[in-house]
Amino acid sequence: MDPQTTPAGELVCQDSDVSVKSALRVEIGDLPVAIVRDSEGTLHAIGDTCSHAEISLSEGDVEGCTIECWAHGSSFDLRSGEPLTLPAYEPVPVFALNVHGEDVYVDVTNILNGVGAP
């Protein structure tokens, strides 16, 4: 990427703000988004609201490439947004994320898995 080009989306945090196997809640407009660093160190941006209940996913546990909702135990794949365990059966949106230097940008208009934002 050209160093003079700013990635699409909103600047939401710094790369160092999110540790391995953790998540950070940010809001883009009125939309809550979880910035999650998986066990391998890769960053992901997903809708921060569990599709089963109005619970913040960023407060859950990260293991491998999944995040688990702390309230009822539903796990979601960070790449696809698909629920891997019940009681959730609907996916959460996965958004385009770009790291430019230390800056992390999320484009909530670019939903990678086609799921509408809550």
N, C-alpha and C. Protein backbone atom coordinates (compact mmCIF):
# COMPACT_ATOMS: atom_id res chain seq x y z
N MET A 1 0.84 -1.18 0.00
CA MET A 1 0.00 0.00 0.00
C MET A 1 0.89 1.24 0.00
N ASP A 2 0.52 2.19 -0.80
CA ASP A 2 1.24 3.46 -0.86
C ASP A 2 1.16 4.15 0.50
N PRO A 3 2.32 4.58 1.06
CA PRO A 3 2.29 5.20 2.39
C PRO A 3 1.45 6.47 2.46
N GLN A 4 1.18 7.10 1.31
CA GLN A 4 0.38 8.32 1.30
C GLN A 4 -1.11 8.02 1.23
N THR A 5 -1.50 6.75 1.00
CA THR A 5 -2.89 6.38 0.86
C THR A 5 -3.48 5.98 2.21
N THR A 6 -4.58 6.59 2.57
CA THR A 6 -5.28 6.22 3.80
C THR A 6 -6.26 5.12 3.47
N PRO A 7 -6.26 4.02 4.24
CA PRO A 7 -7.21 2.93 3.98
C PRO A 7 -8.65 3.39 4.15
N ALA A 8 -9.57 2.66 3.52
CA ALA A 8 -10.99 2.95 3.66
C ALA A 8 -11.43 2.67 5.09
N GLY A 9 -12.45 3.37 5.51
CA GLY A 9 -13.02 3.11 6.83
C GLY A 9 -12.60 4.13 7.86
N GLU A 10 -12.91 3.79 9.10
CA GLU A 10 -12.65 4.67 10.24
C GLU A 10 -11.43 4.19 11.02
N LEU A 11 -10.61 5.13 11.48
CA LEU A 11 -9.51 4.81 12.38
C LEU A 11 -10.13 4.46 13.73
N VAL A 12 -9.91 3.22 14.21
CA VAL A 12 -10.58 2.78 15.44
C VAL A 12 -9.65 2.57 16.62
N CYS A 13 -8.39 2.27 16.36
CA CYS A 13 -7.45 2.02 17.45
C CYS A 13 -6.04 1.89 16.87
N GLN A 14 -5.10 1.64 17.75
CA GLN A 14 -3.73 1.34 17.35
C GLN A 14 -3.54 -0.18 17.40
N ASP A 15 -2.67 -0.69 16.57
CA ASP A 15 -2.40 -2.13 16.51
C ASP A 15 -2.04 -2.67 17.89
N SER A 16 -1.26 -1.93 18.65
CA SER A 16 -0.81 -2.38 19.97
C SER A 16 -1.90 -2.34 21.05
N ASP A 17 -3.07 -1.77 20.73
CA ASP A 17 -4.16 -1.69 21.70
C ASP A 17 -4.84 -3.04 21.94
N VAL A 18 -4.62 -4.01 21.05
CA VAL A 18 -5.31 -5.30 21.15
C VAL A 18 -4.27 -6.40 21.30
N SER A 19 -4.26 -7.04 22.45
CA SER A 19 -3.32 -8.13 22.74
C SER A 19 -3.81 -9.42 22.09
N VAL A 20 -2.90 -10.38 21.96
CA VAL A 20 -3.25 -11.71 21.45
C VAL A 20 -4.31 -12.32 22.37
N LYS A 21 -5.30 -12.96 21.76
CA LYS A 21 -6.41 -13.62 22.45
C LYS A 21 -7.23 -12.64 23.29
N SER A 22 -7.45 -11.44 22.73
CA SER A 22 -8.29 -10.45 23.41
C SER A 22 -9.09 -9.66 22.39
N ALA A 23 -10.02 -8.84 22.91
CA ALA A 23 -10.88 -8.05 22.05
C ALA A 23 -11.07 -6.65 22.64
N LEU A 24 -11.35 -5.71 21.76
CA LEU A 24 -11.58 -4.32 22.14
C LEU A 24 -12.88 -3.86 21.48
N ARG A 25 -13.78 -3.31 22.27
CA ARG A 25 -15.04 -2.77 21.73
C ARG A 25 -14.81 -1.34 21.27
N VAL A 26 -15.25 -1.04 20.05
CA VAL A 26 -15.23 0.32 19.53
C VAL A 26 -16.61 0.60 18.96
N GLU A 27 -16.92 1.86 18.78
CA GLU A 27 -18.18 2.22 18.13
C GLU A 27 -17.87 3.06 16.91
N ILE A 28 -18.48 2.67 15.81
CA ILE A 28 -18.35 3.42 14.56
C ILE A 28 -19.75 3.94 14.26
N GLY A 29 -19.92 5.23 14.46
CA GLY A 29 -21.27 5.78 14.44
C GLY A 29 -21.99 5.19 15.65
N ASP A 30 -23.13 4.57 15.41
CA ASP A 30 -23.88 3.90 16.47
C ASP A 30 -23.66 2.39 16.48
N LEU A 31 -22.73 1.90 15.66
CA LEU A 31 -22.54 0.47 15.49
C LEU A 31 -21.40 -0.04 16.37
N PRO A 32 -21.70 -0.95 17.32
CA PRO A 32 -20.63 -1.54 18.12
C PRO A 32 -19.87 -2.61 17.32
N VAL A 33 -18.56 -2.52 17.36
CA VAL A 33 -17.69 -3.44 16.62
C VAL A 33 -16.64 -3.98 17.59
N ALA A 34 -16.37 -5.27 17.48
CA ALA A 34 -15.31 -5.89 18.27
C ALA A 34 -14.08 -6.05 17.40
N ILE A 35 -12.97 -5.47 17.84
CA ILE A 35 -11.67 -5.67 17.19
C ILE A 35 -11.02 -6.80 17.98
N VAL A 36 -10.77 -7.93 17.33
CA VAL A 36 -10.33 -9.13 18.02
C VAL A 36 -9.00 -9.60 17.44
N ARG A 37 -8.05 -9.93 18.33
CA ARG A 37 -6.79 -10.52 17.90
C ARG A 37 -6.84 -12.00 18.28
N ASP A 38 -6.79 -12.87 17.27
CA ASP A 38 -6.90 -14.30 17.51
C ASP A 38 -5.60 -14.87 18.09
N SER A 39 -5.58 -16.17 18.33
CA SER A 39 -4.43 -16.83 18.94
C SER A 39 -3.17 -16.75 18.09
N GLU A 40 -3.33 -16.57 16.78
CA GLU A 40 -2.19 -16.45 15.87
C GLU A 40 -1.70 -15.02 15.74
N GLY A 41 -2.44 -14.06 16.31
CA GLY A 41 -2.04 -12.66 16.25
C GLY A 41 -2.71 -11.86 15.16
N THR A 42 -3.63 -12.47 14.41
CA THR A 42 -4.33 -11.79 13.32
C THR A 42 -5.50 -10.99 13.88
N LEU A 43 -5.67 -9.76 13.38
CA LEU A 43 -6.79 -8.92 13.79
C LEU A 43 -8.02 -9.18 12.93
N HIS A 44 -9.19 -9.10 13.57
CA HIS A 44 -10.48 -9.27 12.91
C HIS A 44 -11.42 -8.19 13.42
N ALA A 45 -12.42 -7.84 12.61
CA ALA A 45 -13.47 -6.90 13.02
C ALA A 45 -14.81 -7.56 12.79
N ILE A 46 -15.58 -7.73 13.88
CA ILE A 46 -16.90 -8.35 13.78
C ILE A 46 -17.90 -7.48 14.53
N GLY A 47 -19.18 -7.69 14.23
CA GLY A 47 -20.22 -7.03 15.00
C GLY A 47 -20.09 -7.45 16.45
N ASP A 48 -20.18 -6.50 17.36
CA ASP A 48 -19.93 -6.79 18.77
C ASP A 48 -21.16 -7.29 19.53
N THR A 49 -22.27 -7.48 18.85
CA THR A 49 -23.47 -7.93 19.53
C THR A 49 -23.76 -9.37 19.16
N CYS A 50 -23.85 -10.24 20.18
CA CYS A 50 -24.17 -11.65 19.96
C CYS A 50 -25.51 -11.74 19.24
N SER A 51 -25.61 -12.63 18.26
CA SER A 51 -26.85 -12.77 17.50
C SER A 51 -27.94 -13.50 18.30
N HIS A 52 -27.60 -14.08 19.43
CA HIS A 52 -28.58 -14.75 20.28
C HIS A 52 -29.23 -13.78 21.27
N ALA A 53 -28.43 -12.88 21.82
CA ALA A 53 -28.93 -11.93 22.82
C ALA A 53 -28.12 -10.64 22.70
N GLU A 54 -28.59 -9.60 23.29
CA GLU A 54 -27.92 -8.29 23.22
C GLU A 54 -26.72 -8.25 24.18
N ILE A 55 -25.72 -9.08 23.91
CA ILE A 55 -24.54 -9.21 24.75
C ILE A 55 -23.30 -8.80 23.94
N SER A 56 -22.39 -8.07 24.58
CA SER A 56 -21.15 -7.65 23.92
C SER A 56 -20.19 -8.83 23.78
N LEU A 57 -19.86 -9.18 22.54
CA LEU A 57 -18.93 -10.28 22.31
C LEU A 57 -17.51 -9.93 22.74
N SER A 58 -17.16 -8.65 22.73
CA SER A 58 -15.79 -8.26 23.08
C SER A 58 -15.45 -8.58 24.54
N GLU A 59 -16.45 -8.88 25.35
CA GLU A 59 -16.22 -9.26 26.74
C GLU A 59 -15.99 -10.76 26.90
N GLY A 60 -16.07 -11.51 25.79
CA GLY A 60 -15.94 -12.95 25.83
C GLY A 60 -14.50 -13.42 25.67
N ASP A 61 -14.32 -14.73 25.67
CA ASP A 61 -13.00 -15.35 25.55
C ASP A 61 -12.65 -15.63 24.10
N VAL A 62 -11.39 -15.39 23.75
CA VAL A 62 -10.88 -15.67 22.41
C VAL A 62 -10.02 -16.92 22.49
N GLU A 63 -10.29 -17.87 21.62
CA GLU A 63 -9.52 -19.10 21.55
C GLU A 63 -9.38 -19.50 20.09
N GLY A 64 -8.16 -19.69 19.63
CA GLY A 64 -7.95 -19.98 18.21
C GLY A 64 -8.46 -18.82 17.39
N CYS A 65 -9.37 -19.12 16.46
CA CYS A 65 -9.97 -18.08 15.62
C CYS A 65 -11.46 -17.94 15.94
N THR A 66 -11.79 -18.06 17.25
CA THR A 66 -13.18 -17.92 17.69
C THR A 66 -13.26 -16.98 18.87
N ILE A 67 -14.47 -16.46 19.07
CA ILE A 67 -14.78 -15.70 20.28
C ILE A 67 -16.05 -16.29 20.87
N GLU A 68 -16.07 -16.43 22.19
CA GLU A 68 -17.21 -17.03 22.87
C GLU A 68 -17.96 -15.97 23.66
N CYS A 69 -19.27 -15.93 23.48
CA CYS A 69 -20.11 -15.02 24.24
C CYS A 69 -20.11 -15.48 25.69
N TRP A 70 -19.81 -14.57 26.59
CA TRP A 70 -19.68 -14.91 28.01
C TRP A 70 -21.02 -15.28 28.65
N ALA A 71 -22.13 -14.81 28.11
CA ALA A 71 -23.42 -15.01 28.77
C ALA A 71 -24.00 -16.41 28.57
N HIS A 72 -24.00 -16.89 27.32
CA HIS A 72 -24.66 -18.17 27.04
C HIS A 72 -23.77 -19.17 26.35
N GLY A 73 -22.51 -18.81 26.07
CA GLY A 73 -21.54 -19.77 25.55
C GLY A 73 -21.50 -19.96 24.06
N SER A 74 -22.24 -19.20 23.27
CA SER A 74 -22.14 -19.33 21.82
C SER A 74 -20.77 -18.87 21.35
N SER A 75 -20.15 -19.65 20.47
CA SER A 75 -18.86 -19.28 19.89
C SER A 75 -19.07 -18.89 18.43
N PHE A 76 -18.29 -17.91 17.97
CA PHE A 76 -18.39 -17.43 16.60
C PHE A 76 -17.02 -17.49 15.93
N ASP A 77 -17.00 -17.93 14.66
CA ASP A 77 -15.78 -17.94 13.87
C ASP A 77 -15.45 -16.50 13.49
N LEU A 78 -14.25 -16.05 13.77
CA LEU A 78 -13.86 -14.66 13.51
C LEU A 78 -13.73 -14.35 12.02
N ARG A 79 -13.50 -15.36 11.19
CA ARG A 79 -13.35 -15.15 9.74
C ARG A 79 -14.68 -15.09 9.03
N SER A 80 -15.63 -15.94 9.44
CA SER A 80 -16.91 -16.04 8.72
C SER A 80 -18.07 -15.42 9.48
N GLY A 81 -17.92 -15.22 10.80
CA GLY A 81 -19.01 -14.73 11.62
C GLY A 81 -20.02 -15.80 11.99
N GLU A 82 -19.82 -17.01 11.49
CA GLU A 82 -20.76 -18.11 11.72
C GLU A 82 -20.72 -18.58 13.17
N PRO A 83 -21.91 -18.86 13.75
CA PRO A 83 -21.93 -19.43 15.09
C PRO A 83 -21.48 -20.89 15.01
N LEU A 84 -20.68 -21.31 15.98
CA LEU A 84 -20.17 -22.67 16.01
C LEU A 84 -20.86 -23.51 17.08
N THR A 85 -21.51 -22.83 18.03
CA THR A 85 -22.23 -23.52 19.09
C THR A 85 -23.54 -22.80 19.37
N LEU A 86 -24.51 -23.56 19.86
CA LEU A 86 -25.78 -22.99 20.27
C LEU A 86 -25.62 -22.27 21.60
N PRO A 87 -26.48 -21.35 21.95
CA PRO A 87 -27.81 -21.17 21.38
C PRO A 87 -27.88 -20.26 20.16
N ALA A 88 -26.80 -19.58 19.79
CA ALA A 88 -26.85 -18.72 18.59
C ALA A 88 -26.92 -19.58 17.34
N TYR A 89 -27.71 -19.14 16.39
CA TYR A 89 -27.79 -19.84 15.11
C TYR A 89 -27.67 -18.89 13.92
N GLU A 90 -27.61 -17.60 14.19
CA GLU A 90 -27.42 -16.58 13.15
C GLU A 90 -26.00 -16.03 13.23
N PRO A 91 -25.36 -15.78 12.08
CA PRO A 91 -24.00 -15.21 12.10
C PRO A 91 -24.01 -13.74 12.50
N VAL A 92 -22.82 -13.24 12.84
CA VAL A 92 -22.61 -11.82 13.09
C VAL A 92 -21.84 -11.25 11.90
N PRO A 93 -21.96 -9.96 11.62
CA PRO A 93 -21.23 -9.38 10.49
C PRO A 93 -19.72 -9.36 10.72
N VAL A 94 -18.99 -9.56 9.62
CA VAL A 94 -17.53 -9.47 9.61
C VAL A 94 -17.18 -8.30 8.69
N PHE A 95 -16.40 -7.35 9.21
CA PHE A 95 -16.10 -6.13 8.47
C PHE A 95 -14.66 -6.12 7.96
N ALA A 96 -14.44 -5.36 6.89
CA ALA A 96 -13.09 -5.19 6.34
C ALA A 96 -12.24 -4.42 7.36
N LEU A 97 -11.04 -4.91 7.60
CA LEU A 97 -10.11 -4.30 8.54
C LEU A 97 -8.76 -4.16 7.84
N ASN A 98 -8.14 -3.00 7.99
CA ASN A 98 -6.82 -2.75 7.43
C ASN A 98 -5.93 -2.13 8.49
N VAL A 99 -4.67 -2.58 8.52
CA VAL A 99 -3.68 -1.99 9.40
C VAL A 99 -2.72 -1.20 8.52
N HIS A 100 -2.57 0.06 8.85
CA HIS A 100 -1.69 0.95 8.10
C HIS A 100 -0.70 1.54 9.09
N GLY A 101 0.53 0.99 9.09
CA GLY A 101 1.49 1.38 10.13
C GLY A 101 0.99 0.82 11.44
N GLU A 102 0.74 1.68 12.41
CA GLU A 102 0.20 1.27 13.71
C GLU A 102 -1.31 1.49 13.78
N ASP A 103 -1.88 2.16 12.77
CA ASP A 103 -3.30 2.51 12.77
C ASP A 103 -4.16 1.37 12.25
N VAL A 104 -5.29 1.11 12.94
CA VAL A 104 -6.23 0.07 12.54
C VAL A 104 -7.50 0.76 12.04
N TYR A 105 -7.91 0.43 10.81
CA TYR A 105 -9.09 1.00 10.18
C TYR A 105 -10.12 -0.10 9.96
N VAL A 106 -11.38 0.23 10.19
CA VAL A 106 -12.48 -0.69 9.92
C VAL A 106 -13.48 0.01 9.02
N ASP A 107 -13.90 -0.70 7.97
CA ASP A 107 -14.89 -0.18 7.02
C ASP A 107 -16.19 -0.95 7.21
N VAL A 108 -17.13 -0.36 7.96
CA VAL A 108 -18.40 -1.06 8.23
C VAL A 108 -19.32 -1.08 7.01
N THR A 109 -18.95 -0.36 5.96
CA THR A 109 -19.74 -0.45 4.72
C THR A 109 -19.29 -1.63 3.88
N ASN A 110 -18.16 -2.25 4.24
CA ASN A 110 -17.64 -3.41 3.52
C ASN A 110 -17.80 -4.64 4.43
N ILE A 111 -18.98 -5.27 4.33
CA ILE A 111 -19.29 -6.45 5.14
C ILE A 111 -18.85 -7.68 4.36
N LEU A 112 -17.83 -8.36 4.87
CA LEU A 112 -17.20 -9.45 4.13
C LEU A 112 -18.04 -10.71 4.02
N ASN A 113 -18.95 -10.93 4.96
CA ASN A 113 -19.75 -12.15 4.92
C ASN A 113 -21.20 -11.91 4.53
N GLY A 114 -21.54 -10.69 4.13
CA GLY A 114 -22.86 -10.40 3.63
C GLY A 114 -23.97 -10.32 4.68
N VAL A 115 -23.61 -10.39 5.96
CA VAL A 115 -24.60 -10.33 7.03
C VAL A 115 -24.89 -8.87 7.35
N GLY A 116 -26.14 -8.52 7.41
CA GLY A 116 -26.51 -7.15 7.74
C GLY A 116 -26.15 -6.80 9.16
N ALA A 117 -25.73 -5.58 9.37
CA ALA A 117 -25.38 -5.13 10.73
C ALA A 117 -26.65 -5.05 11.56
N PRO A 118 -26.53 -5.36 12.85
CA PRO A 118 -27.72 -5.33 13.73
C PRO A 118 -28.30 -3.94 13.86
